[in-house]
């Protein structure tokens, strides 16, 4: 059974383009994170007691010998009250 079921309570939506609200959650959760730059490309959400976000991102490490890029999924939880925070970053 897919974990990206649409329309099912507690299920994940399909990946889609980010809204300005999604981008604000992403930026707030990653505020102060240094070393690697993450660019979100799409997002899936899951409504729980708050909202879980799965951001498909391009990770970029800038080095003198040249930039290195790879794809990651960043999972962020935004509680009903309080700031969103990173749950995990997974290289894909």
PDB file of N, CA and C in Angstrom:
ATOM      1  N   UNK A   1       0.838  -1.178   0.000  1.00  0.00           N
ATOM      2  CA  UNK A   1       0.000   0.000   0.000  1.00  0.00           C
ATOM      3  C   UNK A   1       0.881   1.239   0.000  1.00  0.00           C
ATOM      4  N   UNK A   2       0.604   2.188  -0.866  1.00  0.00           N
ATOM      5  CA  UNK A   2       1.398   3.400  -0.987  1.00  0.00           C
ATOM      6  C   UNK A   2       1.245   4.273   0.238  1.00  0.00           C
ATOM      7  N   UNK A   3       2.318   4.981   0.609  1.00  0.00           N
ATOM      8  CA  UNK A   3       2.214   5.922   1.712  1.00  0.00           C
ATOM      9  C   UNK A   3       1.903   7.324   1.193  1.00  0.00           C
ATOM     10  N   UNK A   4       1.535   7.433  -0.080  1.00  0.00           N
ATOM     11  CA  UNK A   4       1.157   8.717  -0.652  1.00  0.00           C
ATOM     12  C   UNK A   4      -0.295   8.683  -1.119  1.00  0.00           C
ATOM     13  N   UNK A   5      -1.164   8.210  -0.250  1.00  0.00           N
ATOM     14  CA  UNK A   5      -2.581   8.102  -0.543  1.00  0.00           C
ATOM     15  C   UNK A   5      -3.196   9.491  -0.457  1.00  0.00           C
ATOM     16  N   UNK A   6      -3.995   9.831  -1.444  1.00  0.00           N
ATOM     17  CA  UNK A   6      -4.636  11.135  -1.458  1.00  0.00           C
ATOM     18  C   UNK A   6      -6.051  11.021  -0.930  1.00  0.00           C
ATOM     19  N   UNK A   7      -6.480  11.990  -0.137  1.00  0.00           N
ATOM     20  CA  UNK A   7      -7.844  12.034   0.332  1.00  0.00           C
ATOM     21  C   UNK A   7      -8.154  11.130   1.512  1.00  0.00           C
ATOM     22  N   UNK A   8      -7.189  10.437   2.032  1.00  0.00           N
ATOM     23  CA  UNK A   8      -7.407   9.549   3.165  1.00  0.00           C
ATOM     24  C   UNK A   8      -6.932  10.254   4.429  1.00  0.00           C
ATOM     25  N   UNK A   9      -7.764  10.333   5.458  1.00  0.00           N
ATOM     26  CA  UNK A   9      -7.318  10.989   6.687  1.00  0.00           C
ATOM     27  C   UNK A   9      -6.007  10.382   7.184  1.00  0.00           C
ATOM     28  N   UNK A  10      -5.044  11.233   7.470  1.00  0.00           N
ATOM     29  CA  UNK A  10      -3.740  10.771   7.930  1.00  0.00           C
ATOM     30  C   UNK A  10      -2.818  10.335   6.817  1.00  0.00           C
ATOM     31  N   UNK A  11      -3.323  10.286   5.569  1.00  0.00           N
ATOM     32  CA  UNK A  11      -2.492   9.875   4.439  1.00  0.00           C
ATOM     33  C   UNK A  11      -1.696  11.043   3.874  1.00  0.00           C
ATOM     34  N   UNK A  12      -0.665  10.725   3.138  1.00  0.00           N
ATOM     35  CA  UNK A  12       0.174  11.741   2.500  1.00  0.00           C
ATOM     36  C   UNK A  12      -0.464  12.170   1.186  1.00  0.00           C
ATOM     37  N   UNK A  13      -0.358  13.452   0.870  1.00  0.00           N
ATOM     38  CA  UNK A  13      -0.784  13.941  -0.440  1.00  0.00           C
ATOM     39  C   UNK A  13       0.275  13.554  -1.466  1.00  0.00           C
ATOM     40  N   UNK A  14      -0.032  13.731  -2.729  1.00  0.00           N
ATOM     41  CA  UNK A  14       0.983  13.575  -3.767  1.00  0.00           C
ATOM     42  C   UNK A  14       1.895  14.800  -3.711  1.00  0.00           C
ATOM     43  N   UNK A  15       3.113  14.636  -4.225  1.00  0.00           N
ATOM     44  CA  UNK A  15       4.023  15.777  -4.285  1.00  0.00           C
ATOM     45  C   UNK A  15       3.450  16.826  -5.233  1.00  0.00           C
ATOM     46  N   UNK A  16       3.632  18.094  -4.867  1.00  0.00           N
ATOM     47  CA  UNK A  16       3.121  19.220  -5.639  1.00  0.00           C
ATOM     48  C   UNK A  16       4.080  20.394  -5.506  1.00  0.00           C
ATOM     49  N   UNK A  17       3.829  21.450  -6.289  1.00  0.00           N
ATOM     50  CA  UNK A  17       4.616  22.670  -6.166  1.00  0.00           C
ATOM     51  C   UNK A  17       4.360  23.316  -4.807  1.00  0.00           C
ATOM     52  N   UNK A  18       5.348  24.041  -4.320  1.00  0.00           N
ATOM     53  CA  UNK A  18       5.234  24.701  -3.019  1.00  0.00           C
ATOM     54  C   UNK A  18       4.354  25.953  -3.114  1.00  0.00           C
ATOM     55  N   UNK A  19       3.603  26.190  -2.059  1.00  0.00           N
ATOM     56  CA  UNK A  19       2.895  27.451  -1.900  1.00  0.00           C
ATOM     57  C   UNK A  19       3.800  28.381  -1.088  1.00  0.00           C
ATOM     58  N   UNK A  20       3.395  29.631  -0.950  1.00  0.00           N
ATOM     59  CA  UNK A  20       4.182  30.554  -0.127  1.00  0.00           C
ATOM     60  C   UNK A  20       4.171  30.112   1.344  1.00  0.00           C
ATOM     61  N   UNK A  21       3.076  29.490   1.790  1.00  0.00           N
ATOM     62  CA  UNK A  21       2.998  28.984   3.166  1.00  0.00           C
ATOM     63  C   UNK A  21       3.974  27.817   3.380  1.00  0.00           C
ATOM     64  N   UNK A  22       4.038  26.897   2.395  1.00  0.00           N
ATOM     65  CA  UNK A  22       4.985  25.776   2.470  1.00  0.00           C
ATOM     66  C   UNK A  22       6.412  26.304   2.565  1.00  0.00           C
ATOM     67  N   UNK A  23       6.738  27.293   1.736  1.00  0.00           N
ATOM     68  CA  UNK A  23       8.089  27.856   1.706  1.00  0.00           C
ATOM     69  C   UNK A  23       8.417  28.520   3.036  1.00  0.00           C
ATOM     70  N   UNK A  24       7.423  29.198   3.641  1.00  0.00           N
ATOM     71  CA  UNK A  24       7.644  29.843   4.941  1.00  0.00           C
ATOM     72  C   UNK A  24       7.945  28.809   6.022  1.00  0.00           C
ATOM     73  N   UNK A  25       7.223  27.676   6.007  1.00  0.00           N
ATOM     74  CA  UNK A  25       7.478  26.590   6.971  1.00  0.00           C
ATOM     75  C   UNK A  25       8.887  26.047   6.764  1.00  0.00           C
ATOM     76  N   UNK A  26       9.260  25.803   5.508  1.00  0.00           N
ATOM     77  CA  UNK A  26      10.587  25.297   5.174  1.00  0.00           C
ATOM     78  C   UNK A  26      11.671  26.254   5.683  1.00  0.00           C
ATOM     79  N   UNK A  27      11.522  27.531   5.358  1.00  0.00           N
ATOM     80  CA  UNK A  27      12.534  28.516   5.755  1.00  0.00           C
ATOM     81  C   UNK A  27      12.665  28.624   7.269  1.00  0.00           C
ATOM     82  N   UNK A  28      11.544  28.605   7.979  1.00  0.00           N
ATOM     83  CA  UNK A  28      11.596  28.714   9.441  1.00  0.00           C
ATOM     84  C   UNK A  28      12.274  27.500  10.076  1.00  0.00           C
ATOM     85  N   UNK A  29      11.965  26.313   9.559  1.00  0.00           N
ATOM     86  CA  UNK A  29      12.545  25.090  10.125  1.00  0.00           C
ATOM     87  C   UNK A  29      14.054  25.002   9.866  1.00  0.00           C
ATOM     88  N   UNK A  30      14.513  25.535   8.730  1.00  0.00           N
ATOM     89  CA  UNK A  30      15.933  25.444   8.388  1.00  0.00           C
ATOM     90  C   UNK A  30      16.744  26.668   8.815  1.00  0.00           C
ATOM     91  N   UNK A  31      16.087  27.609   9.458  1.00  0.00           N
ATOM     92  CA  UNK A  31      16.787  28.819   9.897  1.00  0.00           C
ATOM     93  C   UNK A  31      17.969  28.462  10.798  1.00  0.00           C
ATOM     94  N   UNK A  32      19.130  28.983  10.456  1.00  0.00           N
ATOM     95  CA  UNK A  32      20.326  28.738  11.253  1.00  0.00           C
ATOM     96  C   UNK A  32      21.103  27.486  10.865  1.00  0.00           C
ATOM     97  N   UNK A  33      20.534  26.651   9.985  1.00  0.00           N
ATOM     98  CA  UNK A  33      21.235  25.438   9.538  1.00  0.00           C
ATOM     99  C   UNK A  33      22.331  25.858   8.563  1.00  0.00           C
ATOM    100  N   UNK A  34      23.561  25.449   8.816  1.00  0.00           N
ATOM    101  CA  UNK A  34      24.675  25.864   7.967  1.00  0.00           C
ATOM    102  C   UNK A  34      25.396  24.651   7.397  1.00  0.00           C
ATOM    103  N   UNK A  35      26.187  24.898   6.363  1.00  0.00           N
ATOM    104  CA  UNK A  35      27.022  23.852   5.776  1.00  0.00           C
ATOM    105  C   UNK A  35      26.541  23.408   4.419  1.00  0.00           C
ATOM    106  N   UNK A  36      25.272  23.072   4.297  1.00  0.00           N
ATOM    107  CA  UNK A  36      24.686  22.613   3.041  1.00  0.00           C
ATOM    108  C   UNK A  36      23.493  23.516   2.736  1.00  0.00           C
ATOM    109  N   UNK A  37      23.356  23.912   1.478  1.00  0.00           N
ATOM    110  CA  UNK A  37      22.195  24.694   1.059  1.00  0.00           C
ATOM    111  C   UNK A  37      21.140  23.747   0.503  1.00  0.00           C
ATOM    112  N   UNK A  38      19.896  23.923   0.917  1.00  0.00           N
ATOM    113  CA  UNK A  38      18.795  23.085   0.457  1.00  0.00           C
ATOM    114  C   UNK A  38      17.794  23.935  -0.321  1.00  0.00           C
ATOM    115  N   UNK A  39      17.456  23.467  -1.527  1.00  0.00           N
ATOM    116  CA  UNK A  39      16.467  24.142  -2.362  1.00  0.00           C
ATOM    117  C   UNK A  39      15.275  23.213  -2.512  1.00  0.00           C
ATOM    118  N   UNK A  40      14.107  23.585  -1.969  1.00  0.00           N
ATOM    119  CA  UNK A  40      12.928  22.715  -2.076  1.00  0.00           C
ATOM    120  C   UNK A  40      12.361  22.754  -3.498  1.00  0.00           C
ATOM    121  N   UNK A  41      12.027  21.582  -4.030  1.00  0.00           N
ATOM    122  CA  UNK A  41      11.491  21.473  -5.384  1.00  0.00           C
ATOM    123  C   UNK A  41      10.007  21.111  -5.390  1.00  0.00           C
ATOM    124  N   UNK A  42       9.581  20.328  -4.422  1.00  0.00           N
ATOM    125  CA  UNK A  42       8.171  19.938  -4.311  1.00  0.00           C
ATOM    126  C   UNK A  42       7.910  19.497  -2.876  1.00  0.00           C
ATOM    127  N   UNK A  43       6.623  19.329  -2.544  1.00  0.00           N
ATOM    128  CA  UNK A  43       6.261  18.988  -1.172  1.00  0.00           C
ATOM    129  C   UNK A  43       5.048  18.068  -1.161  1.00  0.00           C
ATOM    130  N   UNK A  44       5.003  17.184  -0.176  1.00  0.00           N
ATOM    131  CA  UNK A  44       3.823  16.373   0.141  1.00  0.00           C
ATOM    132  C   UNK A  44       3.511  16.658   1.602  1.00  0.00           C
ATOM    133  N   UNK A  45       2.235  16.611   1.966  1.00  0.00           N
ATOM    134  CA  UNK A  45       1.850  16.908   3.343  1.00  0.00           C
ATOM    135  C   UNK A  45       0.974  15.810   3.917  1.00  0.00           C
ATOM    136  N   UNK A  46       0.947  15.773   5.234  1.00  0.00           N
ATOM    137  CA  UNK A  46       0.135  14.820   5.982  1.00  0.00           C
ATOM    138  C   UNK A  46      -0.414  15.561   7.197  1.00  0.00           C
ATOM    139  N   UNK A  47      -1.737  15.608   7.312  1.00  0.00           N
ATOM    140  CA  UNK A  47      -2.360  16.273   8.452  1.00  0.00           C
ATOM    141  C   UNK A  47      -2.438  15.287   9.606  1.00  0.00           C
ATOM    142  N   UNK A  48      -1.834  15.677  10.715  1.00  0.00           N
ATOM    143  CA  UNK A  48      -1.860  14.890  11.956  1.00  0.00           C
ATOM    144  C   UNK A  48      -2.268  15.880  13.041  1.00  0.00           C
ATOM    145  N   UNK A  49      -1.733  15.814  14.223  1.00  0.00           N
ATOM    146  CA  UNK A  49      -1.951  16.864  15.222  1.00  0.00           C
ATOM    147  C   UNK A  49      -0.950  17.960  14.886  1.00  0.00           C
ATOM    148  N   UNK A  50      -1.210  18.647  13.786  1.00  0.00           N
ATOM    149  CA  UNK A  50      -0.285  19.572  13.146  1.00  0.00           C
ATOM    150  C   UNK A  50      -0.150  19.093  11.714  1.00  0.00           C
ATOM    151  N   UNK A  51       0.960  19.401  11.081  1.00  0.00           N
ATOM    152  CA  UNK A  51       1.182  18.969   9.701  1.00  0.00           C
ATOM    153  C   UNK A  51       2.608  18.451   9.555  1.00  0.00           C
ATOM    154  N   UNK A  52       2.747  17.278   8.924  1.00  0.00           N
ATOM    155  CA  UNK A  52       4.044  16.770   8.502  1.00  0.00           C
ATOM    156  C   UNK A  52       4.256  17.200   7.063  1.00  0.00           C
ATOM    157  N   UNK A  53       5.487  17.601   6.751  1.00  0.00           N
ATOM    158  CA  UNK A  53       5.864  17.999   5.392  1.00  0.00           C
ATOM    159  C   UNK A  53       7.016  17.118   4.933  1.00  0.00           C
ATOM    160  N   UNK A  54       6.957  16.688   3.682  1.00  0.00           N
ATOM    161  CA  UNK A  54       8.093  16.013   3.034  1.00  0.00           C
ATOM    162  C   UNK A  54       8.503  16.891   1.861  1.00  0.00           C
ATOM    163  N   UNK A  55       9.641  17.526   2.002  1.00  0.00           N
ATOM    164  CA  UNK A  55      10.152  18.382   0.938  1.00  0.00           C
ATOM    165  C   UNK A  55      11.196  17.624   0.129  1.00  0.00           C
ATOM    166  N   UNK A  56      10.967  17.483  -1.178  1.00  0.00           N
ATOM    167  CA  UNK A  56      11.999  16.962  -2.080  1.00  0.00           C
ATOM    168  C   UNK A  56      12.891  18.145  -2.402  1.00  0.00           C
ATOM    169  N   UNK A  57      14.186  18.000  -2.128  1.00  0.00           N
ATOM    170  CA  UNK A  57      15.115  19.124  -2.264  1.00  0.00           C
ATOM    171  C   UNK A  57      16.369  18.734  -3.026  1.00  0.00           C
ATOM    172  N   UNK A  58      17.009  19.763  -3.564  1.00  0.00           N
ATOM    173  CA  UNK A  58      18.364  19.624  -4.071  1.00  0.00           C
ATOM    174  C   UNK A  58      19.290  20.176  -2.995  1.00  0.00           C
ATOM    175  N   UNK A  59      20.232  19.361  -2.558  1.00  0.00           N
ATOM    176  CA  UNK A  59      21.226  19.780  -1.574  1.00  0.00           C
ATOM    177  C   UNK A  59      22.487  20.177  -2.326  1.00  0.00           C
ATOM    178  N   UNK A  60      23.079  21.296  -1.939  1.00  0.00           N
ATOM    179  CA  UNK A  60      24.283  21.779  -2.599  1.00  0.00           C
ATOM    180  C   UNK A  60      25.334  22.104  -1.550  1.00  0.00           C
ATOM    181  N   UNK A  61      26.515  21.555  -1.750  1.00  0.00           N
ATOM    182  CA  UNK A  61      27.666  21.854  -0.905  1.00  0.00           C
ATOM    183  C   UNK A  61      28.652  22.627  -1.767  1.00  0.00           C
ATOM    184  N   UNK A  62      28.924  23.864  -1.386  1.00  0.00           N
ATOM    185  CA  UNK A  62      29.856  24.707  -2.138  1.00  0.00           C
ATOM    186  C   UNK A  62      31.264  24.485  -1.608  1.00  0.00           C
ATOM    187  N   UNK A  63      32.162  24.074  -2.521  1.00  0.00           N
ATOM    188  CA  UNK A  63      33.560  23.833  -2.142  1.00  0.00           C
ATOM    189  C   UNK A  63      34.475  24.489  -3.162  1.00  0.00           C
ATOM    190  N   UNK A  64      35.680  24.818  -2.765  1.00  0.00           N
ATOM    191  CA  UNK A  64      36.622  25.425  -3.712  1.00  0.00           C
ATOM    192  C   UNK A  64      36.876  24.545  -4.941  1.00  0.00           C
ATOM    193  N   UNK A  65      36.816  23.243  -4.765  1.00  0.00           N
ATOM    194  CA  UNK A  65      37.073  22.323  -5.882  1.00  0.00           C
ATOM    195  C   UNK A  65      35.850  22.144  -6.773  1.00  0.00           C
ATOM    196  N   UNK A  66      34.728  22.768  -6.405  1.00  0.00           N
ATOM    197  CA  UNK A  66      33.510  22.657  -7.203  1.00  0.00           C
ATOM    198  C   UNK A  66      32.330  22.246  -6.347  1.00  0.00           C
ATOM    199  N   UNK A  67      31.161  22.646  -6.780  1.00  0.00           N
ATOM    200  CA  UNK A  67      29.944  22.327  -6.046  1.00  0.00           C
ATOM    201  C   UNK A  67      29.572  20.860  -6.210  1.00  0.00           C
ATOM    202  N   UNK A  68      29.010  20.301  -5.164  1.00  0.00           N
ATOM    203  CA  UNK A  68      28.483  18.945  -5.192  1.00  0.00           C
ATOM    204  C   UNK A  68      26.994  19.021  -4.904  1.00  0.00           C
ATOM    205  N   UNK A  69      26.177  18.340  -5.726  1.00  0.00           N
ATOM    206  CA  UNK A  69      24.733  18.334  -5.523  1.00  0.00           C
ATOM    207  C   UNK A  69      24.217  16.910  -5.388  1.00  0.00           C
ATOM    208  N   UNK A  70      23.150  16.745  -4.618  1.00  0.00           N
ATOM    209  CA  UNK A  70      22.467  15.473  -4.484  1.00  0.00           C
ATOM    210  C   UNK A  70      21.029  15.752  -4.069  1.00  0.00           C
ATOM    211  N   UNK A  71      20.186  14.762  -4.162  1.00  0.00           N
ATOM    212  CA  UNK A  71      18.770  14.912  -3.806  1.00  0.00           C
ATOM    213  C   UNK A  71      18.526  14.393  -2.398  1.00  0.00           C
ATOM    214  N   UNK A  72      17.653  15.086  -1.671  1.00  0.00           N
ATOM    215  CA  UNK A  72      17.281  14.682  -0.318  1.00  0.00           C
ATOM    216  C   UNK A  72      15.782  14.886  -0.123  1.00  0.00           C
ATOM    217  N   UNK A  73      15.273  14.235   0.887  1.00  0.00           N
ATOM    218  CA  UNK A  73      13.932  14.519   1.383  1.00  0.00           C
ATOM    219  C   UNK A  73      14.103  15.026   2.810  1.00  0.00           C
ATOM    220  N   UNK A  74      13.547  16.200   3.063  1.00  0.00           N
ATOM    221  CA  UNK A  74      13.580  16.778   4.403  1.00  0.00           C
ATOM    222  C   UNK A  74      12.174  16.676   4.974  1.00  0.00           C
ATOM    223  N   UNK A  75      12.067  15.993   6.114  1.00  0.00           N
ATOM    224  CA  UNK A  75      10.777  15.846   6.787  1.00  0.00           C
ATOM    225  C   UNK A  75      10.719  16.880   7.905  1.00  0.00           C
ATOM    226  N   UNK A  76       9.664  17.689   7.872  1.00  0.00           N
ATOM    227  CA  UNK A  76       9.474  18.753   8.856  1.00  0.00           C
ATOM    228  C   UNK A  76       8.112  18.556   9.513  1.00  0.00           C
ATOM    229  N   UNK A  77       8.062  18.772  10.810  1.00  0.00           N
ATOM    230  CA  UNK A  77       6.797  18.724  11.540  1.00  0.00           C
ATOM    231  C   UNK A  77       6.461  20.131  12.012  1.00  0.00           C
ATOM    232  N   UNK A  78       5.244  20.575  11.706  1.00  0.00           N
ATOM    233  CA  UNK A  78       4.745  21.862  12.203  1.00  0.00           C
ATOM    234  C   UNK A  78       3.597  21.573  13.156  1.00  0.00           C
ATOM    235  N   UNK A  79       3.821  21.759  14.466  1.00  0.00           N
ATOM    236  CA  UNK A  79       2.761  21.500  15.449  1.00  0.00           C
ATOM    237  C   UNK A  79       1.649  22.540  15.332  1.00  0.00           C
ATOM    238  N   UNK A  80       0.518  22.266  15.962  1.00  0.00           N
ATOM    239  CA  UNK A  80      -0.593  23.216  15.954  1.00  0.00           C
ATOM    240  C   UNK A  80      -0.162  24.550  16.557  1.00  0.00           C
ATOM    241  N   UNK A  81       0.668  24.499  17.578  1.00  0.00           N
ATOM    242  CA  UNK A  81       1.219  25.708  18.189  1.00  0.00           C
ATOM    243  C   UNK A  81       2.722  25.532  18.289  1.00  0.00           C
ATOM    244  N   UNK A  82       3.457  26.558  17.942  1.00  0.00           N
ATOM    245  CA  UNK A  82       4.906  26.483  18.027  1.00  0.00           C
ATOM    246  C   UNK A  82       5.547  26.443  16.651  1.00  0.00           C
ATOM    247  N   UNK A  83       6.858  26.406  16.670  1.00  0.00           N
ATOM    248  CA  UNK A  83       7.648  26.489  15.447  1.00  0.00           C
ATOM    249  C   UNK A  83       7.816  25.127  14.773  1.00  0.00           C
ATOM    250  N   UNK A  84       7.885  25.118  13.443  1.00  0.00           N
ATOM    251  CA  UNK A  84       8.184  23.877  12.730  1.00  0.00           C
ATOM    252  C   UNK A  84       9.635  23.477  12.977  1.00  0.00           C
ATOM    253  N   UNK A  85       9.904  22.167  12.922  1.00  0.00           N
ATOM    254  CA  UNK A  85      11.269  21.694  13.127  1.00  0.00           C
ATOM    255  C   UNK A  85      11.546  20.467  12.255  1.00  0.00           C
ATOM    256  N   UNK A  86      12.814  20.263  11.967  1.00  0.00           N
ATOM    257  CA  UNK A  86      13.247  19.145  11.134  1.00  0.00           C
ATOM    258  C   UNK A  86      13.151  17.858  11.926  1.00  0.00           C
ATOM    259  N   UNK A  87      12.546  16.842  11.304  1.00  0.00           N
ATOM    260  CA  UNK A  87      12.479  15.494  11.877  1.00  0.00           C
ATOM    261  C   UNK A  87      13.642  14.649  11.347  1.00  0.00           C
ATOM    262  N   UNK A  88      13.860  14.729  10.025  1.00  0.00           N
ATOM    263  CA  UNK A  88      14.984  13.995   9.439  1.00  0.00           C
ATOM    264  C   UNK A  88      15.319  14.526   8.063  1.00  0.00           C
ATOM    265  N   UNK A  89      16.549  14.280   7.641  1.00  0.00           N
ATOM    266  CA  UNK A  89      17.012  14.583   6.292  1.00  0.00           C
ATOM    267  C   UNK A  89      17.554  13.273   5.731  1.00  0.00           C
ATOM    268  N   UNK A  90      16.975  12.821   4.608  1.00  0.00           N
ATOM    269  CA  UNK A  90      17.334  11.527   4.030  1.00  0.00           C
ATOM    270  C   UNK A  90      17.843  11.728   2.609  1.00  0.00           C
ATOM    271  N   UNK A  91      19.023  11.225   2.353  1.00  0.00           N
ATOM    272  CA  UNK A  91      19.567  11.285   0.991  1.00  0.00           C
ATOM    273  C   UNK A  91      18.857  10.234   0.139  1.00  0.00           C
ATOM    274  N   UNK A  92      18.461  10.643  -1.078  1.00  0.00           N
ATOM    275  CA  UNK A  92      17.789   9.689  -1.983  1.00  0.00           C
ATOM    276  C   UNK A  92      18.588   9.486  -3.244  1.00  0.00           C
TER     277      UNK A  92
END
